[in-house]
Amino acid sequence: MAWRQIINTKMTTPISSPTLFSRFFSKSSSPYLVKVGIPEFLNGIGKGVESHVAKLESEIGDFHKLLVIRTLKLKKLGIPCKHRKLILNHTHKYRLGLWRPRAEPAKAK
């Protein structure tokens, strides 16, 4: 009898109830930047890539050009391989909408 009550109550509750999936979503206040430029983007990546902000701003100038830059152009600018990989990986993720730089820098552990 108890099993029948459990099954019936589960069948009658709507699946799209807001409390059911509320724990899977992030907080309502967004910790992400609204305006993203080259300095904010490279600071969001971190790991030493932010040291190339002045060089990339003077040579590229536009954030949208950074999103489509190739590895040979970065190599000609004198950016080391590890930093090129980080920049190219994060620009690809940014274009797909999978990553955005945070407003506050990530805390070091």
N, C-alpha and C. Protein backbone atom coordinates (compact mmCIF):
# COMPACT_ATOMS: atom_id res chain seq x y z
N MET A 1 0.82 -1.19 0.00
CA MET A 1 0.00 0.00 0.00
C MET A 1 0.86 1.26 0.00
N ALA A 2 1.92 1.25 0.79
CA ALA A 2 2.79 2.43 0.87
C ALA A 2 3.47 2.70 -0.47
N TRP A 3 3.86 1.64 -1.16
CA TRP A 3 4.51 1.83 -2.47
C TRP A 3 3.57 2.47 -3.47
N ARG A 4 2.33 2.08 -3.41
CA ARG A 4 1.35 2.64 -4.33
C ARG A 4 1.17 4.14 -4.08
N GLN A 5 1.21 4.57 -2.81
CA GLN A 5 1.10 5.99 -2.49
C GLN A 5 2.32 6.76 -2.99
N ILE A 6 3.52 6.19 -2.84
CA ILE A 6 4.73 6.86 -3.30
C ILE A 6 4.70 7.01 -4.82
N ILE A 7 4.34 5.96 -5.51
CA ILE A 7 4.29 6.01 -6.97
C ILE A 7 3.25 7.01 -7.44
N ASN A 8 2.08 7.05 -6.79
CA ASN A 8 1.03 7.98 -7.19
C ASN A 8 1.44 9.43 -6.94
N THR A 9 2.11 9.69 -5.83
CA THR A 9 2.51 11.07 -5.57
C THR A 9 3.61 11.51 -6.53
N LYS A 10 4.49 10.61 -6.92
CA LYS A 10 5.53 10.98 -7.89
C LYS A 10 4.94 11.22 -9.27
N MET A 11 3.90 10.49 -9.60
CA MET A 11 3.27 10.66 -10.90
C MET A 11 2.49 11.97 -11.00
N THR A 12 1.97 12.44 -9.89
CA THR A 12 1.15 13.64 -9.94
C THR A 12 1.96 14.92 -9.85
N THR A 13 3.20 14.87 -9.35
CA THR A 13 4.00 16.10 -9.26
C THR A 13 4.53 16.44 -10.64
N PRO A 14 4.42 17.71 -11.01
CA PRO A 14 4.92 18.10 -12.33
C PRO A 14 6.45 18.08 -12.37
N ILE A 15 6.98 17.64 -13.47
CA ILE A 15 8.44 17.52 -13.61
C ILE A 15 9.08 18.89 -13.73
N SER A 16 8.40 19.84 -14.30
CA SER A 16 9.01 21.15 -14.52
C SER A 16 8.81 22.10 -13.34
N SER A 17 8.64 21.57 -12.16
CA SER A 17 8.49 22.45 -11.01
C SER A 17 9.81 23.17 -10.75
N PRO A 18 9.78 24.46 -10.40
CA PRO A 18 11.01 25.23 -10.23
C PRO A 18 11.87 24.77 -9.07
N THR A 19 11.27 24.16 -8.05
CA THR A 19 12.07 23.72 -6.91
C THR A 19 12.82 22.44 -7.21
N LEU A 20 12.36 21.68 -8.19
CA LEU A 20 12.99 20.42 -8.51
C LEU A 20 14.38 20.62 -9.09
N PHE A 21 14.56 21.61 -9.98
CA PHE A 21 15.84 21.82 -10.64
C PHE A 21 16.58 23.05 -10.13
N SER A 22 16.09 23.68 -9.09
CA SER A 22 16.70 24.93 -8.63
C SER A 22 18.12 24.74 -8.12
N ARG A 23 18.44 23.58 -7.62
CA ARG A 23 19.78 23.38 -7.09
C ARG A 23 20.83 23.20 -8.18
N PHE A 24 20.41 22.97 -9.42
CA PHE A 24 21.36 22.77 -10.50
C PHE A 24 21.76 24.08 -11.17
N PHE A 25 21.07 25.15 -10.89
CA PHE A 25 21.35 26.42 -11.53
C PHE A 25 22.15 27.31 -10.59
N SER A 26 22.94 28.22 -11.19
CA SER A 26 23.76 29.11 -10.39
C SER A 26 22.91 30.20 -9.76
N LYS A 27 23.56 31.02 -8.97
CA LYS A 27 22.86 32.10 -8.28
C LYS A 27 22.32 33.10 -9.29
N SER A 28 21.36 33.89 -8.88
CA SER A 28 20.76 34.85 -9.79
C SER A 28 21.70 36.00 -10.12
N SER A 29 22.58 36.37 -9.19
CA SER A 29 23.51 37.45 -9.48
C SER A 29 24.67 36.89 -10.30
N SER A 30 24.91 37.46 -11.46
CA SER A 30 25.91 36.96 -12.38
C SER A 30 27.29 37.49 -12.01
N PRO A 31 28.28 36.62 -11.79
CA PRO A 31 29.63 37.08 -11.45
C PRO A 31 30.47 37.37 -12.70
N TYR A 32 29.84 37.47 -13.87
CA TYR A 32 30.57 37.66 -15.11
C TYR A 32 30.53 39.11 -15.57
N LEU A 33 31.54 39.49 -16.33
CA LEU A 33 31.64 40.84 -16.85
C LEU A 33 30.63 41.06 -17.96
N VAL A 34 30.14 42.27 -18.07
CA VAL A 34 29.23 42.61 -19.16
C VAL A 34 30.05 42.96 -20.39
N LYS A 35 31.03 43.86 -20.23
CA LYS A 35 31.87 44.27 -21.35
C LYS A 35 33.19 43.52 -21.26
N VAL A 36 33.57 42.87 -22.35
CA VAL A 36 34.81 42.12 -22.38
C VAL A 36 35.72 42.73 -23.44
N GLY A 37 36.93 43.05 -23.03
CA GLY A 37 37.96 43.54 -23.93
C GLY A 37 39.18 42.65 -23.81
N ILE A 38 40.24 43.01 -24.49
CA ILE A 38 41.46 42.20 -24.44
C ILE A 38 42.03 42.12 -23.03
N PRO A 39 42.14 43.25 -22.27
CA PRO A 39 42.70 43.12 -20.91
C PRO A 39 41.84 42.25 -19.99
N GLU A 40 40.51 42.41 -20.05
CA GLU A 40 39.63 41.61 -19.19
C GLU A 40 39.71 40.13 -19.57
N PHE A 41 39.80 39.87 -20.86
CA PHE A 41 39.86 38.50 -21.34
C PHE A 41 41.15 37.81 -20.86
N LEU A 42 42.29 38.47 -21.05
CA LEU A 42 43.56 37.86 -20.66
C LEU A 42 43.70 37.77 -19.14
N ASN A 43 43.16 38.75 -18.41
CA ASN A 43 43.17 38.66 -16.95
C ASN A 43 42.28 37.53 -16.47
N GLY A 44 41.20 37.27 -17.19
CA GLY A 44 40.31 36.16 -16.84
C GLY A 44 40.98 34.81 -17.04
N ILE A 45 41.83 34.71 -18.05
CA ILE A 45 42.56 33.47 -18.28
C ILE A 45 43.58 33.25 -17.16
N GLY A 46 44.34 34.31 -16.83
CA GLY A 46 45.35 34.21 -15.77
C GLY A 46 46.57 33.43 -16.22
N LYS A 47 47.25 32.77 -15.31
CA LYS A 47 48.40 31.90 -15.55
C LYS A 47 49.53 32.59 -16.31
N GLY A 48 49.69 33.90 -16.11
CA GLY A 48 50.79 34.62 -16.74
C GLY A 48 50.47 35.21 -18.10
N VAL A 49 49.30 34.89 -18.64
CA VAL A 49 48.91 35.39 -19.97
C VAL A 49 48.67 36.90 -19.92
N GLU A 50 48.31 37.42 -18.75
CA GLU A 50 48.02 38.85 -18.63
C GLU A 50 49.24 39.73 -18.86
N SER A 51 50.41 39.13 -18.91
CA SER A 51 51.62 39.91 -19.18
C SER A 51 51.70 40.36 -20.64
N HIS A 52 50.88 39.81 -21.51
CA HIS A 52 50.90 40.14 -22.93
C HIS A 52 49.80 41.14 -23.33
N VAL A 53 49.16 41.77 -22.36
CA VAL A 53 48.05 42.67 -22.64
C VAL A 53 48.50 43.83 -23.52
N ALA A 54 49.58 44.49 -23.16
CA ALA A 54 50.03 45.66 -23.91
C ALA A 54 50.42 45.29 -25.34
N LYS A 55 51.08 44.17 -25.50
CA LYS A 55 51.53 43.73 -26.81
C LYS A 55 50.33 43.41 -27.72
N LEU A 56 49.35 42.68 -27.18
CA LEU A 56 48.19 42.31 -28.00
C LEU A 56 47.29 43.51 -28.28
N GLU A 57 47.15 44.43 -27.32
CA GLU A 57 46.34 45.61 -27.58
C GLU A 57 46.95 46.50 -28.66
N SER A 58 48.28 46.62 -28.66
CA SER A 58 48.92 47.48 -29.66
C SER A 58 48.91 46.84 -31.04
N GLU A 59 49.10 45.53 -31.12
CA GLU A 59 49.17 44.85 -32.42
C GLU A 59 47.80 44.49 -32.98
N ILE A 60 46.90 44.01 -32.13
CA ILE A 60 45.58 43.57 -32.60
C ILE A 60 44.57 44.70 -32.45
N GLY A 61 44.46 45.23 -31.26
CA GLY A 61 43.61 46.38 -31.02
C GLY A 61 42.15 46.07 -30.75
N ASP A 62 41.58 45.08 -31.41
CA ASP A 62 40.16 44.80 -31.29
C ASP A 62 39.96 43.41 -30.68
N PHE A 63 38.99 43.31 -29.78
CA PHE A 63 38.73 42.02 -29.11
C PHE A 63 38.21 40.99 -30.11
N HIS A 64 37.41 41.42 -31.08
CA HIS A 64 36.86 40.47 -32.05
C HIS A 64 37.94 39.91 -32.96
N LYS A 65 39.00 40.67 -33.19
CA LYS A 65 40.14 40.15 -33.95
C LYS A 65 40.91 39.12 -33.13
N LEU A 66 40.93 39.30 -31.82
CA LEU A 66 41.59 38.32 -30.96
C LEU A 66 40.85 36.99 -30.99
N LEU A 67 39.53 37.04 -31.13
CA LEU A 67 38.74 35.81 -31.13
C LEU A 67 38.99 34.95 -32.37
N VAL A 68 39.48 35.56 -33.46
CA VAL A 68 39.72 34.79 -34.69
C VAL A 68 41.20 34.72 -35.05
N ILE A 69 42.08 35.07 -34.12
CA ILE A 69 43.51 35.08 -34.41
C ILE A 69 44.03 33.65 -34.53
N ARG A 70 45.08 33.50 -35.32
CA ARG A 70 45.69 32.19 -35.55
C ARG A 70 46.98 32.07 -34.73
N THR A 71 47.45 30.86 -34.61
CA THR A 71 48.62 30.61 -33.79
C THR A 71 49.89 31.22 -34.39
N LEU A 72 50.00 31.26 -35.72
CA LEU A 72 51.20 31.83 -36.33
C LEU A 72 51.31 33.33 -36.06
N LYS A 73 50.18 34.02 -36.03
CA LYS A 73 50.20 35.45 -35.71
C LYS A 73 50.67 35.66 -34.26
N LEU A 74 50.18 34.83 -33.35
CA LEU A 74 50.61 34.93 -31.95
C LEU A 74 52.09 34.59 -31.83
N LYS A 75 52.56 33.64 -32.63
CA LYS A 75 53.97 33.25 -32.59
C LYS A 75 54.85 34.39 -33.09
N LYS A 76 54.39 35.09 -34.13
CA LYS A 76 55.15 36.23 -34.65
C LYS A 76 55.19 37.38 -33.66
N LEU A 77 54.20 37.46 -32.79
CA LEU A 77 54.19 38.50 -31.76
C LEU A 77 55.11 38.15 -30.59
N GLY A 78 55.65 36.93 -30.57
CA GLY A 78 56.59 36.54 -29.53
C GLY A 78 55.94 35.98 -28.28
N ILE A 79 54.74 35.44 -28.41
CA ILE A 79 54.04 34.86 -27.26
C ILE A 79 54.46 33.40 -27.14
N PRO A 80 54.88 32.95 -25.96
CA PRO A 80 55.33 31.56 -25.79
C PRO A 80 54.22 30.54 -26.07
N CYS A 81 54.65 29.33 -26.34
CA CYS A 81 53.73 28.27 -26.75
C CYS A 81 52.63 28.00 -25.72
N LYS A 82 52.98 27.92 -24.46
CA LYS A 82 52.00 27.61 -23.42
C LYS A 82 50.93 28.70 -23.34
N HIS A 83 51.33 29.95 -23.50
CA HIS A 83 50.38 31.06 -23.47
C HIS A 83 49.54 31.10 -24.73
N ARG A 84 50.14 30.74 -25.87
CA ARG A 84 49.36 30.66 -27.12
C ARG A 84 48.26 29.63 -26.99
N LYS A 85 48.60 28.48 -26.43
CA LYS A 85 47.61 27.42 -26.25
C LYS A 85 46.46 27.89 -25.36
N LEU A 86 46.81 28.55 -24.26
CA LEU A 86 45.78 29.04 -23.35
C LEU A 86 44.88 30.06 -24.04
N ILE A 87 45.48 30.99 -24.78
CA ILE A 87 44.69 32.02 -25.46
C ILE A 87 43.77 31.38 -26.49
N LEU A 88 44.30 30.47 -27.30
CA LEU A 88 43.51 29.85 -28.36
C LEU A 88 42.41 28.96 -27.79
N ASN A 89 42.71 28.22 -26.72
CA ASN A 89 41.68 27.38 -26.10
C ASN A 89 40.55 28.22 -25.52
N HIS A 90 40.90 29.32 -24.85
CA HIS A 90 39.87 30.15 -24.23
C HIS A 90 39.09 30.96 -25.27
N THR A 91 39.73 31.37 -26.36
CA THR A 91 38.96 32.07 -27.41
C THR A 91 37.96 31.12 -28.05
N HIS A 92 38.34 29.86 -28.24
CA HIS A 92 37.41 28.88 -28.80
C HIS A 92 36.23 28.65 -27.86
N LYS A 93 36.52 28.50 -26.57
CA LYS A 93 35.45 28.31 -25.59
C LYS A 93 34.55 29.53 -25.50
N TYR A 94 35.15 30.73 -25.62
CA TYR A 94 34.36 31.97 -25.57
C TYR A 94 33.43 32.06 -26.77
N ARG A 95 33.93 31.71 -27.96
CA ARG A 95 33.08 31.74 -29.16
C ARG A 95 31.92 30.77 -29.05
N LEU A 96 32.14 29.62 -28.42
CA LEU A 96 31.08 28.63 -28.25
C LEU A 96 30.13 28.98 -27.11
N GLY A 97 30.51 29.95 -26.28
CA GLY A 97 29.67 30.33 -25.15
C GLY A 97 29.87 29.46 -23.93
N LEU A 98 30.97 28.75 -23.85
CA LEU A 98 31.22 27.86 -22.73
C LEU A 98 32.03 28.50 -21.61
N TRP A 99 32.66 29.63 -21.90
CA TRP A 99 33.51 30.28 -20.90
C TRP A 99 33.43 31.79 -21.07
N ARG A 100 33.45 32.50 -19.94
CA ARG A 100 33.53 33.96 -19.92
C ARG A 100 34.41 34.37 -18.77
N PRO A 101 35.17 35.46 -18.92
CA PRO A 101 35.99 35.90 -17.78
C PRO A 101 35.12 36.40 -16.64
N ARG A 102 35.54 36.11 -15.43
CA ARG A 102 34.79 36.53 -14.24
C ARG A 102 35.09 37.96 -13.89
N ALA A 103 34.16 38.59 -13.18
CA ALA A 103 34.33 39.99 -12.75
C ALA A 103 35.44 40.08 -11.71
N GLU A 104 35.44 39.18 -10.75
CA GLU A 104 36.50 39.16 -9.75
C GLU A 104 37.45 38.04 -10.10
N PRO A 105 38.75 38.23 -9.91
CA PRO A 105 39.72 37.18 -10.25
C PRO A 105 39.50 35.95 -9.41
N ALA A 106 39.84 34.81 -9.96
CA ALA A 106 39.69 33.54 -9.25
C ALA A 106 40.62 33.50 -8.06
N LYS A 107 40.13 32.94 -6.96
CA LYS A 107 40.94 32.88 -5.74
C LYS A 107 41.98 31.77 -5.87
N ALA A 108 43.21 32.08 -5.48
CA ALA A 108 44.29 31.09 -5.50
C ALA A 108 44.12 30.15 -4.32
N LYS A 109 44.33 28.88 -4.57
CA LYS A 109 44.16 27.89 -3.51
C LYS A 109 45.46 27.60 -2.84
